[in-house]
C-alpha atoms as a PDB file:
ATOM      1  CA  MET A   1      -3.074   7.238 -44.253  1.00  0.00           C
ATOM      2  CA  ASN A   2      -6.058   9.569 -44.146  1.00  0.00           C
ATOM      3  CA  TYR A   3      -8.644  10.441 -41.479  1.00  0.00           C
ATOM      4  CA  ALA A   4     -11.101   7.797 -42.692  1.00  0.00           C
ATOM      5  CA  HIS A   5      -8.417   5.125 -42.346  1.00  0.00           C
ATOM      6  CA  LEU A   6      -7.484   6.364 -38.882  1.00  0.00           C
ATOM      7  CA  HIS A   7     -11.157   6.525 -37.854  1.00  0.00           C
ATOM      8  CA  LEU A   8     -11.704   2.948 -38.993  1.00  0.00           C
ATOM      9  CA  MET A   9      -8.642   1.775 -37.092  1.00  0.00           C
ATOM     10  CA  LEU A  10      -9.652   3.515 -33.854  1.00  0.00           C
ATOM     11  CA  ASN A  11     -13.384   2.847 -33.792  1.00  0.00           C
ATOM     12  CA  HIS A  12     -13.066  -0.802 -32.780  1.00  0.00           C
ATOM     13  CA  PHE A  13     -11.266  -0.023 -29.520  1.00  0.00           C
ATOM     14  CA  PRO A  14     -14.103   1.676 -27.591  1.00  0.00           C
ATOM     15  CA  VAL A  15     -16.567  -1.101 -28.381  1.00  0.00           C
ATOM     16  CA  ILE A  16     -14.340  -4.123 -27.833  1.00  0.00           C
ATOM     17  CA  GLY A  17     -12.267  -2.541 -25.066  1.00  0.00           C
ATOM     18  CA  THR A  18     -15.345  -1.671 -23.028  1.00  0.00           C
ATOM     19  CA  ILE A  19     -16.648  -5.228 -23.376  1.00  0.00           C
ATOM     20  CA  ILE A  20     -13.278  -6.526 -22.172  1.00  0.00           C
ATOM     21  CA  GLY A  21     -13.275  -4.022 -19.286  1.00  0.00           C
ATOM     22  CA  LEU A  22     -16.766  -5.121 -18.277  1.00  0.00           C
ATOM     23  CA  ALA A  23     -15.757  -8.793 -18.368  1.00  0.00           C
ATOM     24  CA  ILE A  24     -12.729  -8.052 -16.178  1.00  0.00           C
ATOM     25  CA  ILE A  25     -14.720  -6.028 -13.650  1.00  0.00           C
ATOM     26  CA  LEU A  26     -17.515  -8.639 -13.486  1.00  0.00           C
ATOM     27  CA  PHE A  27     -14.958 -11.390 -12.936  1.00  0.00           C
ATOM     28  CA  GLY A  28     -13.362  -9.238 -10.230  1.00  0.00           C
ATOM     29  CA  LEU A  29     -16.721  -8.718  -8.516  1.00  0.00           C
ATOM     30  CA  ILE A  30     -17.504 -12.437  -8.634  1.00  0.00           C
ATOM     31  CA  ARG A  31     -14.054 -13.375  -7.312  1.00  0.00           C
ATOM     32  CA  LYS A  32     -14.015 -10.424  -4.881  1.00  0.00           C
ATOM     33  CA  ASN A  33     -10.653  -9.499  -6.368  1.00  0.00           C
ATOM     34  CA  ASP A  34      -9.918  -5.790  -6.008  1.00  0.00           C
ATOM     35  CA  SER A  35      -7.000  -5.927  -8.467  1.00  0.00           C
ATOM     36  CA  LEU A  36      -9.292  -7.198 -11.219  1.00  0.00           C
ATOM     37  CA  ILE A  37     -11.905  -4.563 -10.394  1.00  0.00           C
ATOM     38  CA  LYS A  38      -9.293  -1.835 -10.638  1.00  0.00           C
ATOM     39  CA  THR A  39      -7.997  -3.313 -13.910  1.00  0.00           C
ATOM     40  CA  GLY A  40     -11.527  -3.076 -15.305  1.00  0.00           C
ATOM     41  CA  LEU A  41     -11.806   0.531 -14.132  1.00  0.00           C
ATOM     42  CA  VAL A  42      -8.481   1.406 -15.765  1.00  0.00           C
ATOM     43  CA  THR A  43      -9.699  -0.239 -18.971  1.00  0.00           C
ATOM     44  CA  PHE A  44     -12.798   2.009 -18.926  1.00  0.00           C
ATOM     45  CA  ILE A  45     -10.599   5.076 -18.393  1.00  0.00           C
ATOM     46  CA  LEU A  46      -8.379   4.103 -21.338  1.00  0.00           C
ATOM     47  CA  MET A  47     -11.407   3.474 -23.561  1.00  0.00           C
ATOM     48  CA  ALA A  48     -12.823   6.889 -22.620  1.00  0.00           C
ATOM     49  CA  LEU A  49      -9.528   8.459 -23.662  1.00  0.00           C
ATOM     50  CA  ILE A  50      -9.317   6.602 -26.995  1.00  0.00           C
ATOM     51  CA  THR A  51     -12.938   7.500 -27.755  1.00  0.00           C
ATOM     52  CA  ILE A  52     -11.954  11.168 -28.049  1.00  0.00           C
ATOM     53  CA  PRO A  53      -9.667  10.806 -31.098  1.00  0.00           C
ATOM     54  CA  THR A  54     -12.096   8.245 -32.521  1.00  0.00           C
ATOM     55  CA  PHE A  55     -14.850  10.850 -32.398  1.00  0.00           C
ATOM     56  CA  LEU A  56     -12.629  13.684 -33.622  1.00  0.00           C
ATOM     57  CA  THR A  57     -11.561  11.749 -36.732  1.00  0.00           C
ATOM     58  CA  GLY A  58     -15.222  11.259 -37.657  1.00  0.00           C
ATOM     59  CA  GLU A  59     -15.843  14.719 -39.113  1.00  0.00           C
ATOM     60  CA  PRO A  60     -12.832  14.699 -41.470  1.00  0.00           C
ATOM     61  CA  SER A  61     -13.826  11.156 -42.468  1.00  0.00           C
ATOM     62  CA  GLU A  62     -17.303  12.401 -43.312  1.00  0.00           C
ATOM     63  CA  LYS A  63     -15.884  15.041 -45.632  1.00  0.00           C
ATOM     64  CA  LEU A  64     -13.861  12.378 -47.419  1.00  0.00           C
ATOM     65  CA  MET A  65     -16.757   9.896 -47.651  1.00  0.00           C
ATOM     66  CA  GLU A  66     -19.080  12.533 -49.130  1.00  0.00           C
ATOM     67  CA  LYS A  67     -16.912  12.337 -52.258  1.00  0.00           C
ATOM     68  CA  VAL A  68     -17.493   8.600 -52.665  1.00  0.00           C
ATOM     69  CA  VAL A  69     -20.328   7.754 -55.050  1.00  0.00           C
ATOM     70  CA  GLY A  70     -23.175   5.886 -53.366  1.00  0.00           C
ATOM     71  CA  THR A  71     -22.476   7.095 -49.832  1.00  0.00           C
ATOM     72  CA  SER A  72     -25.645   8.033 -47.965  1.00  0.00           C
ATOM     73  CA  GLU A  73     -25.570  11.407 -46.222  1.00  0.00           C
ATOM     74  CA  ALA A  74     -28.529  10.286 -44.088  1.00  0.00           C
ATOM     75  CA  LEU A  75     -26.581   7.273 -42.785  1.00  0.00           C
ATOM     76  CA  ILE A  76     -23.582   9.455 -42.016  1.00  0.00           C
ATOM     77  CA  GLU A  77     -25.758  11.903 -40.061  1.00  0.00           C
ATOM     78  CA  ARG A  78     -27.443   9.099 -38.075  1.00  0.00           C
ATOM     79  CA  HIS A  79     -24.013   7.692 -37.210  1.00  0.00           C
ATOM     80  CA  GLU A  80     -22.739  11.132 -36.214  1.00  0.00           C
ATOM     81  CA  GLU A  81     -25.702  11.782 -33.893  1.00  0.00           C
ATOM     82  CA  ALA A  82     -25.314   8.383 -32.237  1.00  0.00           C
ATOM     83  CA  ALA A  83     -21.567   9.024 -31.894  1.00  0.00           C
ATOM     84  CA  LYS A  84     -22.188  12.279 -30.005  1.00  0.00           C
ATOM     85  CA  PHE A  85     -24.341  10.525 -27.403  1.00  0.00           C
ATOM     86  CA  SER A  86     -21.947   7.579 -27.212  1.00  0.00           C
ATOM     87  CA  LEU A  87     -19.033   9.939 -26.644  1.00  0.00           C
ATOM     88  CA  ILE A  88     -20.863  11.610 -23.770  1.00  0.00           C
ATOM     89  CA  VAL A  89     -21.777   8.390 -21.977  1.00  0.00           C
ATOM     90  CA  MET A  90     -18.301   6.950 -22.562  1.00  0.00           C
ATOM     91  CA  GLU A  91     -16.693  10.034 -21.045  1.00  0.00           C
ATOM     92  CA  VAL A  92     -19.084   9.807 -18.076  1.00  0.00           C
ATOM     93  CA  LEU A  93     -18.054   6.155 -17.647  1.00  0.00           C
ATOM     94  CA  GLY A  94     -14.377   7.109 -17.800  1.00  0.00           C
ATOM     95  CA  THR A  95     -14.844   9.945 -15.300  1.00  0.00           C
ATOM     96  CA  ILE A  96     -16.815   7.793 -12.856  1.00  0.00           C
ATOM     97  CA  SER A  97     -14.182   5.060 -13.226  1.00  0.00           C
ATOM     98  CA  LEU A  98     -11.441   7.564 -12.394  1.00  0.00           C
ATOM     99  CA  ILE A  99     -13.343   8.842  -9.343  1.00  0.00           C
ATOM    100  CA  THR A 100     -13.939   5.255  -8.250  1.00  0.00           C
ATOM    101  CA  MET A 101     -10.207   4.530  -8.531  1.00  0.00           C
ATOM    102  CA  ILE A 102      -9.327   7.647  -6.525  1.00  0.00           C
ATOM    103  CA  ILE A 103     -11.694   6.838  -3.652  1.00  0.00           C
ATOM    104  CA  SER A 104     -10.980   3.097  -3.618  1.00  0.00           C
ATOM    105  CA  ASN A 105      -8.618   3.138  -0.634  1.00  0.00           C
ATOM    106  CA  LYS A 106     -10.294   5.816   1.492  1.00  0.00           C
ATOM    107  CA  PHE A 107     -14.050   5.260   1.268  1.00  0.00           C
ATOM    108  CA  GLN A 108     -14.675   1.517   1.059  1.00  0.00           C
ATOM    109  CA  LYS A 109     -18.519   1.603   1.203  1.00  0.00           C
ATOM    110  CA  PHE A 110     -18.746   4.380  -1.368  1.00  0.00           C
ATOM    111  CA  TYR A 111     -16.164   2.547  -3.486  1.00  0.00           C
ATOM    112  CA  LYS A 112     -18.340  -0.583  -3.590  1.00  0.00           C
ATOM    113  CA  MET A 113     -21.410   1.444  -4.544  1.00  0.00           C
ATOM    114  CA  MET A 114     -19.475   3.307  -7.245  1.00  0.00           C
ATOM    115  CA  THR A 115     -18.104   0.033  -8.611  1.00  0.00           C
ATOM    116  CA  VAL A 116     -21.632  -1.337  -9.045  1.00  0.00           C
ATOM    117  CA  THR A 117     -22.779   1.939 -10.621  1.00  0.00           C
ATOM    118  CA  THR A 118     -19.815   1.897 -13.001  1.00  0.00           C
ATOM    119  CA  THR A 119     -20.532  -1.699 -13.961  1.00  0.00           C
ATOM    120  CA  LEU A 120     -24.180  -0.953 -14.728  1.00  0.00           C
ATOM    121  CA  LEU A 121     -23.231   2.134 -16.730  1.00  0.00           C
ATOM    122  CA  ALA A 122     -20.789   0.014 -18.741  1.00  0.00           C
ATOM    123  CA  PHE A 123     -23.703  -2.091 -20.021  1.00  0.00           C
ATOM    124  CA  LEU A 124     -25.373   1.096 -21.318  1.00  0.00           C
ATOM    125  CA  VAL A 125     -22.131   2.314 -22.889  1.00  0.00           C
ATOM    126  CA  ILE A 126     -21.574  -1.008 -24.661  1.00  0.00           C
ATOM    127  CA  GLY A 127     -25.092  -0.891 -26.070  1.00  0.00           C
ATOM    128  CA  MET A 128     -24.676   2.676 -27.292  1.00  0.00           C
ATOM    129  CA  MET A 129     -21.223   2.017 -28.735  1.00  0.00           C
ATOM    130  CA  ALA A 130     -22.471  -1.107 -30.523  1.00  0.00           C
ATOM    131  CA  TRP A 131     -25.409   0.847 -31.972  1.00  0.00           C
ATOM    132  CA  THR A 132     -23.085   3.620 -33.124  1.00  0.00           C
ATOM    133  CA  ALA A 133     -20.694   1.098 -34.670  1.00  0.00           C
ATOM    134  CA  ASN A 134     -23.581  -0.634 -36.423  1.00  0.00           C
ATOM    135  CA  LEU A 135     -24.736   2.663 -37.930  1.00  0.00           C
ATOM    136  CA  GLY A 136     -21.181   3.457 -38.984  1.00  0.00           C
ATOM    137  CA  GLY A 137     -20.806   0.088 -40.646  1.00  0.00           C
ATOM    138  CA  LYS A 138     -23.904   0.720 -42.728  1.00  0.00           C
ATOM    139  CA  ILE A 139     -22.321   3.802 -44.296  1.00  0.00           C
ATOM    140  CA  HIS A 140     -20.109   1.792 -46.571  1.00  0.00           C
ATOM    141  CA  HIS A 141     -20.936  -1.853 -45.867  1.00  0.00           C
ATOM    142  CA  LEU A 142     -24.117  -2.305 -47.856  1.00  0.00           C
ATOM    143  CA  GLU A 143     -24.152  -6.014 -47.087  1.00  0.00           C
ATOM    144  CA  ILE A 144     -25.204  -5.338 -43.459  1.00  0.00           C
ATOM    145  CA  GLN A 145     -28.171  -3.144 -44.346  1.00  0.00           C
ATOM    146  CA  ALA A 146     -31.651  -4.607 -43.857  1.00  0.00           C
ATOM    147  CA  ASN A 147     -32.475  -4.650 -47.585  1.00  0.00           C
ATOM    148  CA  PRO A 148     -29.220  -4.329 -49.482  1.00  0.00           C
ATOM    149  CA  ASN A 149     -29.651  -3.778 -53.168  1.00  0.00           C
ATOM    150  CA  LEU A 150     -26.347  -5.327 -54.114  1.00  0.00           C
ATOM    151  CA  SER A 151     -26.846  -5.079 -57.879  1.00  0.00           C
ATOM    152  CA  ASN A 152     -27.207  -1.281 -57.640  1.00  0.00           C
ATOM    153  CA  SER A 153     -24.341  -1.005 -55.171  1.00  0.00           C
ATOM    154  CA  ILE A 154     -22.059  -2.978 -57.478  1.00  0.00           C
ATOM    155  CA  GLU A 155     -22.805  -0.489 -60.262  1.00  0.00           C
ATOM    156  CA  ALA A 156     -22.266   2.439 -57.867  1.00  0.00           C
ATOM    157  CA  ASN A 157     -18.966   1.003 -56.643  1.00  0.00           C
ATOM    158  CA  LYS A 158     -17.681   0.835 -60.193  1.00  0.00           C
ATOM    159  CA  GLN A 159     -17.856   4.635 -60.114  1.00  0.00           C
ATOM    160  CA  VAL A 160     -16.072   5.078 -56.778  1.00  0.00           C
ATOM    161  CA  PRO A 161     -13.130   7.446 -57.094  1.00  0.00           C
ATOM    162  CA  THR A 162      -9.754   5.787 -56.906  1.00  0.00           C
ATOM    163  CA  HIS A 163      -7.295   6.502 -54.117  1.00  0.00           C
ATOM    164  CA  ASN A 164      -5.484   9.043 -56.292  1.00  0.00           C
ATOM    165  CA  GLN A 165      -8.714  10.864 -57.233  1.00  0.00           C
ATOM    166  CA  LEU A 166      -9.665  11.693 -53.638  1.00  0.00           C
ATOM    167  CA  ASP A 167      -8.404  14.936 -52.157  1.00  0.00           C
ATOM    168  CA  TYR A 168      -7.204  14.114 -48.641  1.00  0.00           C
ATOM    169  CA  ASP A 169      -6.352  17.666 -47.646  1.00  0.00           C
ATOM    170  CA  ASP A 170      -9.938  18.836 -47.046  1.00  0.00           C
END
């Protein structure tokens, strides 16, 4: 396994996990169920934690992908910039979720306000994570680009280095 493989395995968690966390917290708010709300908050905290290694495996993945014929440096850079902002907002969501959990039993009014704030922030995080994931998918999935030139990409992919030709130690 290399960094690109690890990055691809991890990058689905922050997007899907945050959507699941939001669904749980919304259901908890509708049902007025504090256990569900706290489960949603814990989900956000876990997604903030898993976003860190997801982001950190991006740079070594970039170095590996630069060796693959037909990979666009511009797409990689756009994905990287979006990932930086997504990381920041995800970590803010995780931090606010942790604070909300800590104050949940002592400051009930503040807890309710923080829960609503966290829920609203989760919508922003999901949007940013989805945008980042979309940009990342375009790096090597030409079929999702607006105007894929599949005949050229097929020719380019014939020249892609094999697994044994790539140097994974960089």
